[in-house]
Amino acid sequence: QAASAVASVLERVGRGLGTFSLAPCWDDVQPFYGLFVEEQEFDSLAAGEQFARLVDEELQRSNIEYAGKRSSARLGPVKLQNLPMGAWERWVSD
């Protein structure tokens, strides 16, 4: 469902995206899903954050359990997590 949500948003906004991961993240306040992408994927931080918001909205539309956890604040919104350029290549080769 995560890949489908990202693909749906990419189609809607008419752009591509290289390697990404949508993974659970825990912090001291509220767990959330991080959208991990290399920092050059978006022209600006604001554009990346807007994309993450759209992914979060799509996940809520397509998954009632996710929507319930978001509406009850058991999960925070999807957050952009920028990785340094070349991170995916280094990860695969290690």
PDB file of N, CA and C in Angstrom:
ATOM      1  N   GLN A   1       0.813  -1.195   0.000  1.00  0.00           N
ATOM      2  CA  GLN A   1       0.000   0.000   0.000  1.00  0.00           C
ATOM      3  C   GLN A   1       0.852   1.252   0.000  1.00  0.00           C
ATOM      4  N   ALA A   2       2.004   1.195   0.646  1.00  0.00           N
ATOM      5  CA  ALA A   2       2.891   2.352   0.669  1.00  0.00           C
ATOM      6  C   ALA A   2       3.376   2.666  -0.745  1.00  0.00           C
ATOM      7  N   ALA A   3       3.834   1.640  -1.467  1.00  0.00           N
ATOM      8  CA  ALA A   3       4.313   1.851  -2.837  1.00  0.00           C
ATOM      9  C   ALA A   3       3.188   2.357  -3.735  1.00  0.00           C
ATOM     10  N   SER A   4       1.989   1.830  -3.545  1.00  0.00           N
ATOM     11  CA  SER A   4       0.841   2.279  -4.335  1.00  0.00           C
ATOM     12  C   SER A   4       0.494   3.733  -4.038  1.00  0.00           C
ATOM     13  N   ALA A   5       0.591   4.131  -2.774  1.00  0.00           N
ATOM     14  CA  ALA A   5       0.301   5.517  -2.406  1.00  0.00           C
ATOM     15  C   ALA A   5       1.309   6.461  -3.053  1.00  0.00           C
ATOM     16  N   VAL A   6       2.588   6.105  -2.997  1.00  0.00           N
ATOM     17  CA  VAL A   6       3.623   6.942  -3.615  1.00  0.00           C
ATOM     18  C   VAL A   6       3.404   6.997  -5.121  1.00  0.00           C
ATOM     19  N   ALA A   7       3.139   5.854  -5.754  1.00  0.00           N
ATOM     20  CA  ALA A   7       2.907   5.818  -7.206  1.00  0.00           C
ATOM     21  C   ALA A   7       1.707   6.671  -7.590  1.00  0.00           C
ATOM     22  N   SER A   8       0.650   6.625  -6.803  1.00  0.00           N
ATOM     23  CA  SER A   8      -0.542   7.415  -7.082  1.00  0.00           C
ATOM     24  C   SER A   8      -0.240   8.907  -7.022  1.00  0.00           C
ATOM     25  N   VAL A   9       0.518   9.318  -6.014  1.00  0.00           N
ATOM     26  CA  VAL A   9       0.871  10.738  -5.885  1.00  0.00           C
ATOM     27  C   VAL A   9       1.800  11.148  -7.021  1.00  0.00           C
ATOM     28  N   LEU A  10       2.766  10.311  -7.369  1.00  0.00           N
ATOM     29  CA  LEU A  10       3.658  10.627  -8.481  1.00  0.00           C
ATOM     30  C   LEU A  10       2.873  10.838  -9.763  1.00  0.00           C
ATOM     31  N   GLU A  11       1.911   9.976 -10.009  1.00  0.00           N
ATOM     32  CA  GLU A  11       1.082  10.114 -11.207  1.00  0.00           C
ATOM     33  C   GLU A  11       0.274  11.403 -11.156  1.00  0.00           C
ATOM     34  N   ARG A  12      -0.299  11.696 -10.010  1.00  0.00           N
ATOM     35  CA  ARG A  12      -1.122  12.899  -9.857  1.00  0.00           C
ATOM     36  C   ARG A  12      -0.320  14.177 -10.085  1.00  0.00           C
ATOM     37  N   VAL A  13       0.914  14.215  -9.590  1.00  0.00           N
ATOM     38  CA  VAL A  13       1.719  15.433  -9.720  1.00  0.00           C
ATOM     39  C   VAL A  13       2.597  15.417 -10.972  1.00  0.00           C
ATOM     40  N   GLY A  14       2.602  14.307 -11.694  1.00  0.00           N
ATOM     41  CA  GLY A  14       3.321  14.232 -12.955  1.00  0.00           C
ATOM     42  C   GLY A  14       4.831  14.303 -12.835  1.00  0.00           C
ATOM     43  N   ARG A  15       5.367  13.503 -11.931  1.00  0.00           N
ATOM     44  CA  ARG A  15       6.823  13.491 -11.765  1.00  0.00           C
ATOM     45  C   ARG A  15       7.303  12.078 -11.471  1.00  0.00           C
ATOM     46  N   GLY A  16       8.593  11.904 -11.456  1.00  0.00           N
ATOM     47  CA  GLY A  16       9.204  10.629 -11.110  1.00  0.00           C
ATOM     48  C   GLY A  16       9.906  10.741  -9.771  1.00  0.00           C
ATOM     49  N   LEU A  17      10.371   9.626  -9.293  1.00  0.00           N
ATOM     50  CA  LEU A  17      11.105   9.584  -8.035  1.00  0.00           C
ATOM     51  C   LEU A  17      12.038   8.386  -8.098  1.00  0.00           C
ATOM     52  N   GLY A  18      13.272   8.591  -7.696  1.00  0.00           N
ATOM     53  CA  GLY A  18      14.226   7.487  -7.663  1.00  0.00           C
ATOM     54  C   GLY A  18      13.897   6.540  -6.527  1.00  0.00           C
ATOM     55  N   THR A  19      14.901   5.914  -5.995  1.00  0.00           N
ATOM     56  CA  THR A  19      14.716   4.985  -4.892  1.00  0.00           C
ATOM     57  C   THR A  19      14.165   5.700  -3.676  1.00  0.00           C
ATOM     58  N   PHE A  20      13.226   5.045  -2.995  1.00  0.00           N
ATOM     59  CA  PHE A  20      12.655   5.598  -1.766  1.00  0.00           C
ATOM     60  C   PHE A  20      12.307   4.449  -0.838  1.00  0.00           C
ATOM     61  N   SER A  21      12.069   4.791   0.393  1.00  0.00           N
ATOM     62  CA  SER A  21      11.547   3.837   1.364  1.00  0.00           C
ATOM     63  C   SER A  21      10.574   4.573   2.261  1.00  0.00           C
ATOM     64  N   LEU A  22       9.513   3.918   2.611  1.00  0.00           N
ATOM     65  CA  LEU A  22       8.555   4.446   3.584  1.00  0.00           C
ATOM     66  C   LEU A  22       8.627   3.485   4.759  1.00  0.00           C
ATOM     67  N   ALA A  23       9.167   3.959   5.870  1.00  0.00           N
ATOM     68  CA  ALA A  23       9.450   3.064   6.988  1.00  0.00           C
ATOM     69  C   ALA A  23       8.990   3.673   8.308  1.00  0.00           C
ATOM     70  N   PRO A  24       8.598   2.817   9.271  1.00  0.00           N
ATOM     71  CA  PRO A  24       8.177   3.340  10.571  1.00  0.00           C
ATOM     72  C   PRO A  24       9.344   3.976  11.319  1.00  0.00           C
ATOM     73  N   CYS A  25       9.040   5.059  12.011  1.00  0.00           N
ATOM     74  CA  CYS A  25      10.020   5.779  12.826  1.00  0.00           C
ATOM     75  C   CYS A  25       9.398   6.036  14.189  1.00  0.00           C
ATOM     76  N   TRP A  26      10.185   5.879  15.211  1.00  0.00           N
ATOM     77  CA  TRP A  26       9.712   6.138  16.557  1.00  0.00           C
ATOM     78  C   TRP A  26      10.496   7.315  17.120  1.00  0.00           C
ATOM     79  N   ASP A  27       9.790   8.210  17.785  1.00  0.00           N
ATOM     80  CA  ASP A  27      10.459   9.280  18.519  1.00  0.00           C
ATOM     81  C   ASP A  27       9.829   9.353  19.907  1.00  0.00           C
ATOM     82  N   ASP A  28      10.207  10.322  20.706  1.00  0.00           N
ATOM     83  CA  ASP A  28       9.712  10.409  22.081  1.00  0.00           C
ATOM     84  C   ASP A  28       8.266  10.859  22.189  1.00  0.00           C
ATOM     85  N   VAL A  29       7.718  11.398  21.106  1.00  0.00           N
ATOM     86  CA  VAL A  29       6.375  11.966  21.166  1.00  0.00           C
ATOM     87  C   VAL A  29       5.341  11.096  20.457  1.00  0.00           C
ATOM     88  N   GLN A  30       5.578  10.801  19.174  1.00  0.00           N
ATOM     89  CA  GLN A  30       4.564  10.128  18.363  1.00  0.00           C
ATOM     90  C   GLN A  30       5.233   9.378  17.213  1.00  0.00           C
ATOM     91  N   PRO A  31       4.938   8.096  17.032  1.00  0.00           N
ATOM     92  CA  PRO A  31       5.514   7.384  15.896  1.00  0.00           C
ATOM     93  C   PRO A  31       4.957   7.936  14.581  1.00  0.00           C
ATOM     94  N   PHE A  32       5.702   7.726  13.524  1.00  0.00           N
ATOM     95  CA  PHE A  32       5.292   8.203  12.203  1.00  0.00           C
ATOM     96  C   PHE A  32       5.993   7.354  11.154  1.00  0.00           C
ATOM     97  N   TYR A  33       5.579   7.495   9.922  1.00  0.00           N
ATOM     98  CA  TYR A  33       6.295   6.874   8.815  1.00  0.00           C
ATOM     99  C   TYR A  33       7.189   7.920   8.184  1.00  0.00           C
ATOM    100  N   GLY A  34       8.439   7.557   7.960  1.00  0.00           N
ATOM    101  CA  GLY A  34       9.384   8.433   7.290  1.00  0.00           C
ATOM    102  C   GLY A  34       9.456   8.076   5.825  1.00  0.00           C
ATOM    103  N   LEU A  35       9.422   9.098   4.982  1.00  0.00           N
ATOM    104  CA  LEU A  35       9.622   8.923   3.545  1.00  0.00           C
ATOM    105  C   LEU A  35      11.087   9.238   3.271  1.00  0.00           C
ATOM    106  N   PHE A  36      11.891   8.200   3.127  1.00  0.00           N
ATOM    107  CA  PHE A  36      13.330   8.332   2.949  1.00  0.00           C
ATOM    108  C   PHE A  36      13.662   8.466   1.470  1.00  0.00           C
ATOM    109  N   VAL A  37      14.251   9.594   1.106  1.00  0.00           N
ATOM    110  CA  VAL A  37      14.672   9.874  -0.267  1.00  0.00           C
ATOM    111  C   VAL A  37      16.026  10.578  -0.214  1.00  0.00           C
ATOM    112  N   GLU A  38      16.768  10.490  -1.300  1.00  0.00           N
ATOM    113  CA  GLU A  38      18.012  11.243  -1.370  1.00  0.00           C
ATOM    114  C   GLU A  38      17.684  12.720  -1.572  1.00  0.00           C
ATOM    115  N   GLU A  39      18.466  13.586  -0.956  1.00  0.00           N
ATOM    116  CA  GLU A  39      18.177  15.007  -0.877  1.00  0.00           C
ATOM    117  C   GLU A  39      18.011  15.702  -2.221  1.00  0.00           C
ATOM    118  N   GLN A  40      18.584  15.194  -3.293  1.00  0.00           N
ATOM    119  CA  GLN A  40      18.469  15.853  -4.587  1.00  0.00           C
ATOM    120  C   GLN A  40      17.157  15.532  -5.299  1.00  0.00           C
ATOM    121  N   GLU A  41      16.328  14.663  -4.734  1.00  0.00           N
ATOM    122  CA  GLU A  41      15.083  14.253  -5.392  1.00  0.00           C
ATOM    123  C   GLU A  41      14.096  15.410  -5.587  1.00  0.00           C
ATOM    124  N   PHE A  42      14.118  16.363  -4.693  1.00  0.00           N
ATOM    125  CA  PHE A  42      13.186  17.483  -4.764  1.00  0.00           C
ATOM    126  C   PHE A  42      13.951  18.791  -4.908  1.00  0.00           C
ATOM    127  N   ASP A  43      13.363  19.738  -5.616  1.00  0.00           N
ATOM    128  CA  ASP A  43      14.006  21.035  -5.849  1.00  0.00           C
ATOM    129  C   ASP A  43      14.218  21.815  -4.564  1.00  0.00           C
ATOM    130  N   SER A  44      13.356  21.577  -3.585  1.00  0.00           N
ATOM    131  CA  SER A  44      13.455  22.307  -2.323  1.00  0.00           C
ATOM    132  C   SER A  44      12.909  21.439  -1.196  1.00  0.00           C
ATOM    133  N   LEU A  45      13.254  21.811   0.010  1.00  0.00           N
ATOM    134  CA  LEU A  45      12.726  21.113   1.182  1.00  0.00           C
ATOM    135  C   LEU A  45      11.208  21.219   1.212  1.00  0.00           C
ATOM    136  N   ALA A  46      10.692  22.395   0.888  1.00  0.00           N
ATOM    137  CA  ALA A  46       9.235  22.605   0.885  1.00  0.00           C
ATOM    138  C   ALA A  46       8.539  21.673  -0.106  1.00  0.00           C
ATOM    139  N   ALA A  47       9.136  21.464  -1.276  1.00  0.00           N
ATOM    140  CA  ALA A  47       8.542  20.563  -2.274  1.00  0.00           C
ATOM    141  C   ALA A  47       8.524  19.122  -1.764  1.00  0.00           C
ATOM    142  N   GLY A  48       9.595  18.704  -1.113  1.00  0.00           N
ATOM    143  CA  GLY A  48       9.642  17.364  -0.541  1.00  0.00           C
ATOM    144  C   GLY A  48       8.636  17.177   0.576  1.00  0.00           C
ATOM    145  N   GLU A  49       8.510  18.192   1.428  1.00  0.00           N
ATOM    146  CA  GLU A  49       7.539  18.117   2.526  1.00  0.00           C
ATOM    147  C   GLU A  49       6.112  18.084   1.992  1.00  0.00           C
ATOM    148  N   GLN A  50       5.831  18.843   0.936  1.00  0.00           N
ATOM    149  CA  GLN A  50       4.502  18.816   0.314  1.00  0.00           C
ATOM    150  C   GLN A  50       4.215  17.433  -0.259  1.00  0.00           C
ATOM    151  N   PHE A  51       5.207  16.825  -0.885  1.00  0.00           N
ATOM    152  CA  PHE A  51       5.039  15.476  -1.426  1.00  0.00           C
ATOM    153  C   PHE A  51       4.717  14.491  -0.303  1.00  0.00           C
ATOM    154  N   ALA A  52       5.437  14.593   0.820  1.00  0.00           N
ATOM    155  CA  ALA A  52       5.173  13.712   1.969  1.00  0.00           C
ATOM    156  C   ALA A  52       3.741  13.906   2.474  1.00  0.00           C
ATOM    157  N   ARG A  53       3.261  15.148   2.503  1.00  0.00           N
ATOM    158  CA  ARG A  53       1.868  15.401   2.922  1.00  0.00           C
ATOM    159  C   ARG A  53       0.876  14.731   1.984  1.00  0.00           C
ATOM    160  N   LEU A  54       1.158  14.800   0.684  1.00  0.00           N
ATOM    161  CA  LEU A  54       0.264  14.156  -0.281  1.00  0.00           C
ATOM    162  C   LEU A  54       0.266  12.637  -0.119  1.00  0.00           C
ATOM    163  N   VAL A  55       1.428  12.064   0.166  1.00  0.00           N
ATOM    164  CA  VAL A  55       1.511  10.616   0.410  1.00  0.00           C
ATOM    165  C   VAL A  55       0.700  10.259   1.647  1.00  0.00           C
ATOM    166  N   ASP A  56       0.817  11.067   2.699  1.00  0.00           N
ATOM    167  CA  ASP A  56       0.051  10.831   3.918  1.00  0.00           C
ATOM    168  C   ASP A  56      -1.454  10.870   3.630  1.00  0.00           C
ATOM    169  N   GLU A  57      -1.890  11.854   2.857  1.00  0.00           N
ATOM    170  CA  GLU A  57      -3.314  11.950   2.503  1.00  0.00           C
ATOM    171  C   GLU A  57      -3.763  10.742   1.699  1.00  0.00           C
ATOM    172  N   GLU A  58      -2.928  10.294   0.766  1.00  0.00           N
ATOM    173  CA  GLU A  58      -3.275   9.132  -0.056  1.00  0.00           C
ATOM    174  C   GLU A  58      -3.354   7.868   0.802  1.00  0.00           C
ATOM    175  N   LEU A  59      -2.437   7.701   1.737  1.00  0.00           N
ATOM    176  CA  LEU A  59      -2.493   6.543   2.630  1.00  0.00           C
ATOM    177  C   LEU A  59      -3.771   6.557   3.463  1.00  0.00           C
ATOM    178  N   GLN A  60      -4.181   7.729   3.910  1.00  0.00           N
ATOM    179  CA  GLN A  60      -5.420   7.821   4.689  1.00  0.00           C
ATOM    180  C   GLN A  60      -6.639   7.462   3.833  1.00  0.00           C
ATOM    181  N   ARG A  61      -6.608   7.880   2.554  1.00  0.00           N
ATOM    182  CA  ARG A  61      -7.725   7.557   1.657  1.00  0.00           C
ATOM    183  C   ARG A  61      -7.784   6.066   1.344  1.00  0.00           C
ATOM    184  N   SER A  62      -6.630   5.442   1.207  1.00  0.00           N
ATOM    185  CA  SER A  62      -6.605   4.060   0.731  1.00  0.00           C
ATOM    186  C   SER A  62      -6.568   3.010   1.837  1.00  0.00           C
ATOM    187  N   ASN A  63      -6.331   3.411   3.072  1.00  0.00           N
ATOM    188  CA  ASN A  63      -6.193   2.438   4.156  1.00  0.00           C
ATOM    189  C   ASN A  63      -6.930   2.939   5.390  1.00  0.00           C
ATOM    190  N   ILE A  64      -8.061   2.336   5.682  1.00  0.00           N
ATOM    191  CA  ILE A  64      -8.909   2.783   6.795  1.00  0.00           C
ATOM    192  C   ILE A  64      -8.205   2.637   8.147  1.00  0.00           C
ATOM    193  N   GLU A  65      -7.356   1.618   8.286  1.00  0.00           N
ATOM    194  CA  GLU A  65      -6.631   1.453   9.546  1.00  0.00           C
ATOM    195  C   GLU A  65      -5.611   2.580   9.737  1.00  0.00           C
ATOM    196  N   TYR A  66      -4.919   2.932   8.672  1.00  0.00           N
ATOM    197  CA  TYR A  66      -3.969   4.057   8.740  1.00  0.00           C
ATOM    198  C   TYR A  66      -4.732   5.345   9.068  1.00  0.00           C
ATOM    199  N   ALA A  67      -5.853   5.549   8.396  1.00  0.00           N
ATOM    200  CA  ALA A  67      -6.661   6.757   8.645  1.00  0.00           C
ATOM    201  C   ALA A  67      -7.112   6.817  10.102  1.00  0.00           C
ATOM    202  N   GLY A  68      -7.509   5.685  10.656  1.00  0.00           N
ATOM    203  CA  GLY A  68      -7.935   5.646  12.053  1.00  0.00           C
ATOM    204  C   GLY A  68      -6.797   5.987  13.008  1.00  0.00           C
ATOM    205  N   LYS A  69      -5.636   5.467  12.732  1.00  0.00           N
ATOM    206  CA  LYS A  69      -4.479   5.769  13.597  1.00  0.00           C
ATOM    207  C   LYS A  69      -4.059   7.225  13.478  1.00  0.00           C
ATOM    208  N   ARG A  70      -4.188   7.788  12.277  1.00  0.00           N
ATOM    209  CA  ARG A  70      -3.862   9.209  12.100  1.00  0.00           C
ATOM    210  C   ARG A  70      -4.899  10.080  12.807  1.00  0.00           C
ATOM    211  N   SER A  71      -6.188   9.746  12.683  1.00  0.00           N
ATOM    212  CA  SER A  71      -7.225  10.595  13.288  1.00  0.00           C
ATOM    213  C   SER A  71      -7.219  10.512  14.811  1.00  0.00           C
ATOM    214  N   SER A  72      -6.747   9.403  15.360  1.00  0.00           N
ATOM    215  CA  SER A  72      -6.670   9.262  16.815  1.00  0.00           C
ATOM    216  C   SER A  72      -5.309   9.714  17.358  1.00  0.00           C
ATOM    217  N   ALA A  73      -4.443  10.187  16.477  1.00  0.00           N
ATOM    218  CA  ALA A  73      -3.095  10.668  16.835  1.00  0.00           C
ATOM    219  C   ALA A  73      -2.176   9.553  17.346  1.00  0.00           C
ATOM    220  N   ARG A  74      -2.524   8.295  17.064  1.00  0.00           N
ATOM    221  CA  ARG A  74      -1.599   7.207  17.402  1.00  0.00           C
ATOM    222  C   ARG A  74      -0.409   7.196  16.455  1.00  0.00           C
ATOM    223  N   LEU A  75      -0.597   7.794  15.280  1.00  0.00           N
ATOM    224  CA  LEU A  75       0.483   7.973  14.307  1.00  0.00           C
ATOM    225  C   LEU A  75       0.513   9.430  13.875  1.00  0.00           C
ATOM    226  N   GLY A  76       1.708   9.948  13.711  1.00  0.00           N
ATOM    227  CA  GLY A  76       1.863  11.281  13.153  1.00  0.00           C
ATOM    228  C   GLY A  76       1.876  11.202  11.633  1.00  0.00           C
ATOM    229  N   PRO A  77       1.907  12.347  10.972  1.00  0.00           N
ATOM    230  CA  PRO A  77       1.928  12.359   9.508  1.00  0.00           C
ATOM    231  C   PRO A  77       3.251  11.838   8.950  1.00  0.00           C
ATOM    232  N   VAL A  78       3.205  11.421   7.701  1.00  0.00           N
ATOM    233  CA  VAL A  78       4.423  11.032   6.995  1.00  0.00           C
ATOM    234  C   VAL A  78       5.364  12.237   6.988  1.00  0.00           C
ATOM    235  N   LYS A  79       6.633  11.985   7.302  1.00  0.00           N
ATOM    236  CA  LYS A  79       7.631  13.062   7.320  1.00  0.00           C
ATOM    237  C   LYS A  79       8.747  12.747   6.339  1.00  0.00           C
ATOM    238  N   LEU A  80       9.156  13.769   5.608  1.00  0.00           N
ATOM    239  CA  LEU A  80      10.286  13.638   4.697  1.00  0.00           C
ATOM    240  C   LEU A  80      11.561  13.412   5.494  1.00  0.00           C
ATOM    241  N   GLN A  81      12.336  12.427   5.075  1.00  0.00           N
ATOM    242  CA  GLN A  81      13.619  12.121   5.704  1.00  0.00           C
ATOM    243  C   GLN A  81      14.677  12.132   4.591  1.00  0.00           C
ATOM    244  N   ASN A  82      15.373  13.255   4.465  1.00  0.00           N
ATOM    245  CA  ASN A  82      16.381  13.384   3.411  1.00  0.00           C
ATOM    246  C   ASN A  82      17.636  12.594   3.751  1.00  0.00           C
ATOM    247  N   LEU A  83      18.112  11.860   2.762  1.00  0.00           N
ATOM    248  CA  LEU A  83      19.368  11.121   2.875  1.00  0.00           C
ATOM    249  C   LEU A  83      20.408  11.821   2.013  1.00  0.00           C
ATOM    250  N   PRO A  84      21.680  11.706   2.375  1.00  0.00           N
ATOM    251  CA  PRO A  84      22.716  12.305   1.528  1.00  0.00           C
ATOM    252  C   PRO A  84      22.754  11.643   0.151  1.00  0.00           C
ATOM    253  N   MET A  85      23.175  12.421  -0.834  1.00  0.00           N
ATOM    254  CA  MET A  85      23.291  11.912  -2.185  1.00  0.00           C
ATOM    255  C   MET A  85      24.180  10.665  -2.204  1.00  0.00           C
ATOM    256  N   GLY A  86      23.723   9.629  -2.907  1.00  0.00           N
ATOM    257  CA  GLY A  86      24.482   8.387  -3.007  1.00  0.00           C
ATOM    258  C   GLY A  86      24.224   7.398  -1.881  1.00  0.00           C
ATOM    259  N   ALA A  87      23.326   7.723  -0.962  1.00  0.00           N
ATOM    260  CA  ALA A  87      23.077   6.857   0.191  1.00  0.00           C
ATOM    261  C   ALA A  87      22.557   5.479  -0.219  1.00  0.00           C
ATOM    262  N   TRP A  88      21.635   5.442  -1.176  1.00  0.00           N
ATOM    263  CA  TRP A  88      21.083   4.146  -1.575  1.00  0.00           C
ATOM    264  C   TRP A  88      22.163   3.282  -2.219  1.00  0.00           C
ATOM    265  N   GLU A  89      22.996   3.883  -3.056  1.00  0.00           N
ATOM    266  CA  GLU A  89      24.060   3.119  -3.701  1.00  0.00           C
ATOM    267  C   GLU A  89      25.033   2.555  -2.674  1.00  0.00           C
ATOM    268  N   ARG A  90      25.395   3.362  -1.686  1.00  0.00           N
ATOM    269  CA  ARG A  90      26.301   2.885  -0.628  1.00  0.00           C
ATOM    270  C   ARG A  90      25.646   1.778   0.179  1.00  0.00           C
ATOM    271  N   TRP A  91      24.359   1.890   0.463  1.00  0.00           N
ATOM    272  CA  TRP A  91      23.636   0.899   1.250  1.00  0.00           C
ATOM    273  C   TRP A  91      23.617  -0.447   0.528  1.00  0.00           C
ATOM    274  N   VAL A  92      23.341  -0.416  -0.772  1.00  0.00           N
ATOM    275  CA  VAL A  92      23.274  -1.645  -1.561  1.00  0.00           C
ATOM    276  C   VAL A  92      24.640  -2.303  -1.675  1.00  0.00           C
ATOM    277  N   SER A  93      25.693  -1.511  -1.790  1.00  0.00           N
ATOM    278  CA  SER A  93      27.024  -2.082  -1.992  1.00  0.00           C
ATOM    279  C   SER A  93      27.705  -2.535  -0.698  1.00  0.00           C
ATOM    280  N   ASP A  94      27.161  -2.168   0.450  1.00  0.00           N
ATOM    281  CA  ASP A  94      27.785  -2.588   1.735  1.00  0.00           C
ATOM    282  C   ASP A  94      27.405  -3.990   2.134  1.00  0.00           C
TER     283      ASP A  94
END
